[in-house]
Amino acid sequence: MGNNLLAYVAMQSGQFHQSISKIQQQLEQNFGLSFSRGAISEAQDRVSAVLTPAFQDIR
């Protein structure tokens, strides 16, 4: 997944509180992309790892 798709997944899960299954459906319906639930979960983990230091700095 590229940065834009990582951002999309992060927004759907973080801001809009969508489940992994719902995000999986949206990716297929909106973009014709097929990802496993594991891949989406990994994407969430990658974004979290990148954002955690910035969050810690402002906390």
N, C-alpha and C. Protein backbone atom coordinates (compact mmCIF):
# COMPACT_ATOMS: atom_id res chain seq x y z
N MET A 1 0.84 -1.19 0.00
CA MET A 1 0.00 0.00 0.00
C MET A 1 0.88 1.24 0.00
N GLY A 2 0.45 2.20 -0.79
CA GLY A 2 1.16 3.47 -0.83
C GLY A 2 0.68 4.40 0.28
N ASN A 3 1.31 5.54 0.37
CA ASN A 3 1.00 6.49 1.44
C ASN A 3 -0.44 6.99 1.41
N ASN A 4 -0.98 7.24 0.22
CA ASN A 4 -2.35 7.73 0.14
C ASN A 4 -3.35 6.68 0.63
N LEU A 5 -3.11 5.44 0.26
CA LEU A 5 -4.01 4.38 0.70
C LEU A 5 -3.86 4.12 2.20
N LEU A 6 -2.64 4.22 2.71
CA LEU A 6 -2.43 4.11 4.16
C LEU A 6 -3.21 5.20 4.89
N ALA A 7 -3.17 6.42 4.35
CA ALA A 7 -3.89 7.53 4.97
C ALA A 7 -5.40 7.27 4.93
N TYR A 8 -5.88 6.74 3.81
CA TYR A 8 -7.32 6.43 3.69
C TYR A 8 -7.74 5.41 4.75
N VAL A 9 -6.97 4.34 4.88
CA VAL A 9 -7.28 3.30 5.87
C VAL A 9 -7.25 3.89 7.28
N ALA A 10 -6.25 4.73 7.56
CA ALA A 10 -6.14 5.33 8.89
C ALA A 10 -7.34 6.23 9.18
N MET A 11 -7.75 7.01 8.20
CA MET A 11 -8.91 7.89 8.41
C MET A 11 -10.18 7.08 8.63
N GLN A 12 -10.37 6.05 7.85
CA GLN A 12 -11.58 5.23 7.98
C GLN A 12 -11.63 4.57 9.35
N SER A 13 -10.50 4.08 9.82
CA SER A 13 -10.52 3.38 11.12
C SER A 13 -10.47 4.35 12.29
N GLY A 14 -9.65 5.39 12.17
CA GLY A 14 -9.46 6.31 13.29
C GLY A 14 -10.56 7.33 13.45
N GLN A 15 -10.82 8.07 12.42
CA GLN A 15 -11.79 9.16 12.51
C GLN A 15 -13.23 8.67 12.34
N PHE A 16 -13.43 7.71 11.45
CA PHE A 16 -14.79 7.27 11.14
C PHE A 16 -15.17 5.96 11.83
N HIS A 17 -14.25 5.38 12.59
CA HIS A 17 -14.52 4.19 13.42
C HIS A 17 -15.08 3.02 12.62
N GLN A 18 -14.53 2.82 11.41
CA GLN A 18 -14.96 1.70 10.57
C GLN A 18 -14.20 0.44 10.96
N SER A 19 -14.88 -0.68 10.92
CA SER A 19 -14.23 -1.96 11.20
C SER A 19 -13.32 -2.34 10.03
N ILE A 20 -12.43 -3.28 10.27
CA ILE A 20 -11.54 -3.75 9.22
C ILE A 20 -12.36 -4.35 8.08
N SER A 21 -13.38 -5.11 8.41
CA SER A 21 -14.23 -5.70 7.37
C SER A 21 -14.92 -4.63 6.54
N LYS A 22 -15.38 -3.56 7.18
CA LYS A 22 -16.04 -2.46 6.47
C LYS A 22 -15.04 -1.75 5.56
N ILE A 23 -13.82 -1.53 6.05
CA ILE A 23 -12.78 -0.90 5.24
C ILE A 23 -12.47 -1.79 4.03
N GLN A 24 -12.40 -3.09 4.26
CA GLN A 24 -12.16 -4.05 3.19
C GLN A 24 -13.24 -3.92 2.11
N GLN A 25 -14.48 -3.84 2.52
CA GLN A 25 -15.58 -3.68 1.58
C GLN A 25 -15.48 -2.36 0.81
N GLN A 26 -15.15 -1.28 1.51
CA GLN A 26 -15.05 0.03 0.87
C GLN A 26 -13.93 0.06 -0.16
N LEU A 27 -12.80 -0.55 0.15
CA LEU A 27 -11.69 -0.58 -0.79
C LEU A 27 -12.09 -1.31 -2.07
N GLU A 28 -12.83 -2.39 -1.91
CA GLU A 28 -13.28 -3.16 -3.08
C GLU A 28 -14.32 -2.37 -3.88
N GLN A 29 -15.31 -1.82 -3.19
CA GLN A 29 -16.40 -1.11 -3.87
C GLN A 29 -15.95 0.20 -4.51
N ASN A 30 -15.15 0.97 -3.79
CA ASN A 30 -14.78 2.31 -4.25
C ASN A 30 -13.60 2.33 -5.21
N PHE A 31 -12.65 1.41 -5.01
CA PHE A 31 -11.40 1.47 -5.77
C PHE A 31 -11.08 0.19 -6.54
N GLY A 32 -11.90 -0.85 -6.34
CA GLY A 32 -11.62 -2.13 -7.00
C GLY A 32 -10.39 -2.82 -6.46
N LEU A 33 -10.03 -2.53 -5.21
CA LEU A 33 -8.84 -3.11 -4.58
C LEU A 33 -9.24 -4.20 -3.60
N SER A 34 -8.49 -5.28 -3.61
CA SER A 34 -8.78 -6.40 -2.73
C SER A 34 -7.61 -6.61 -1.77
N PHE A 35 -7.87 -6.42 -0.49
CA PHE A 35 -6.86 -6.64 0.55
C PHE A 35 -7.45 -7.54 1.62
N SER A 36 -6.62 -8.38 2.20
CA SER A 36 -7.05 -9.22 3.31
C SER A 36 -7.24 -8.37 4.56
N ARG A 37 -7.97 -8.89 5.52
CA ARG A 37 -8.12 -8.18 6.79
C ARG A 37 -6.76 -8.02 7.47
N GLY A 38 -5.90 -9.01 7.31
CA GLY A 38 -4.55 -8.92 7.88
C GLY A 38 -3.74 -7.79 7.28
N ALA A 39 -3.86 -7.58 5.97
CA ALA A 39 -3.13 -6.49 5.31
C ALA A 39 -3.63 -5.14 5.79
N ILE A 40 -4.93 -5.03 6.00
CA ILE A 40 -5.50 -3.77 6.49
C ILE A 40 -5.06 -3.52 7.92
N SER A 41 -5.05 -4.55 8.73
CA SER A 41 -4.58 -4.42 10.10
C SER A 41 -3.10 -4.01 10.13
N GLU A 42 -2.30 -4.58 9.26
CA GLU A 42 -0.89 -4.22 9.16
C GLU A 42 -0.74 -2.76 8.74
N ALA A 43 -1.59 -2.31 7.84
CA ALA A 43 -1.56 -0.91 7.41
C ALA A 43 -1.85 0.01 8.60
N GLN A 44 -2.84 -0.35 9.41
CA GLN A 44 -3.16 0.43 10.60
C GLN A 44 -1.95 0.48 11.54
N ASP A 45 -1.29 -0.64 11.71
CA ASP A 45 -0.11 -0.70 12.57
C ASP A 45 1.02 0.19 12.05
N ARG A 46 1.21 0.19 10.73
CA ARG A 46 2.27 1.03 10.13
C ARG A 46 2.01 2.51 10.38
N VAL A 47 0.77 2.93 10.18
CA VAL A 47 0.43 4.34 10.41
C VAL A 47 0.58 4.69 11.88
N SER A 48 0.14 3.81 12.74
CA SER A 48 0.26 4.04 14.18
C SER A 48 1.72 4.20 14.59
N ALA A 49 2.59 3.36 14.05
CA ALA A 49 4.02 3.43 14.39
C ALA A 49 4.63 4.76 13.94
N VAL A 50 4.17 5.26 12.80
CA VAL A 50 4.70 6.54 12.29
C VAL A 50 4.17 7.71 13.13
N LEU A 51 2.92 7.65 13.54
CA LEU A 51 2.30 8.78 14.25
C LEU A 51 2.58 8.81 15.76
N THR A 52 2.95 7.68 16.34
CA THR A 52 3.14 7.61 17.79
C THR A 52 4.17 8.61 18.30
N PRO A 53 5.37 8.73 17.70
CA PRO A 53 6.33 9.72 18.23
C PRO A 53 5.80 11.15 18.23
N ALA A 54 5.09 11.54 17.18
CA ALA A 54 4.54 12.90 17.14
C ALA A 54 3.49 13.08 18.22
N PHE A 55 2.68 12.06 18.42
CA PHE A 55 1.66 12.12 19.47
C PHE A 55 2.33 12.25 20.85
N GLN A 56 3.38 11.49 21.07
CA GLN A 56 4.08 11.55 22.35
C GLN A 56 4.70 12.95 22.58
N ASP A 57 5.18 13.57 21.51
CA ASP A 57 5.79 14.89 21.63
C ASP A 57 4.78 15.96 22.05
N ILE A 58 3.54 15.86 21.57
CA ILE A 58 2.56 16.90 21.90
C ILE A 58 1.78 16.59 23.17
N ARG A 59 1.95 15.43 23.69
CA ARG A 59 1.26 15.01 24.89
C ARG A 59 1.86 15.55 26.10
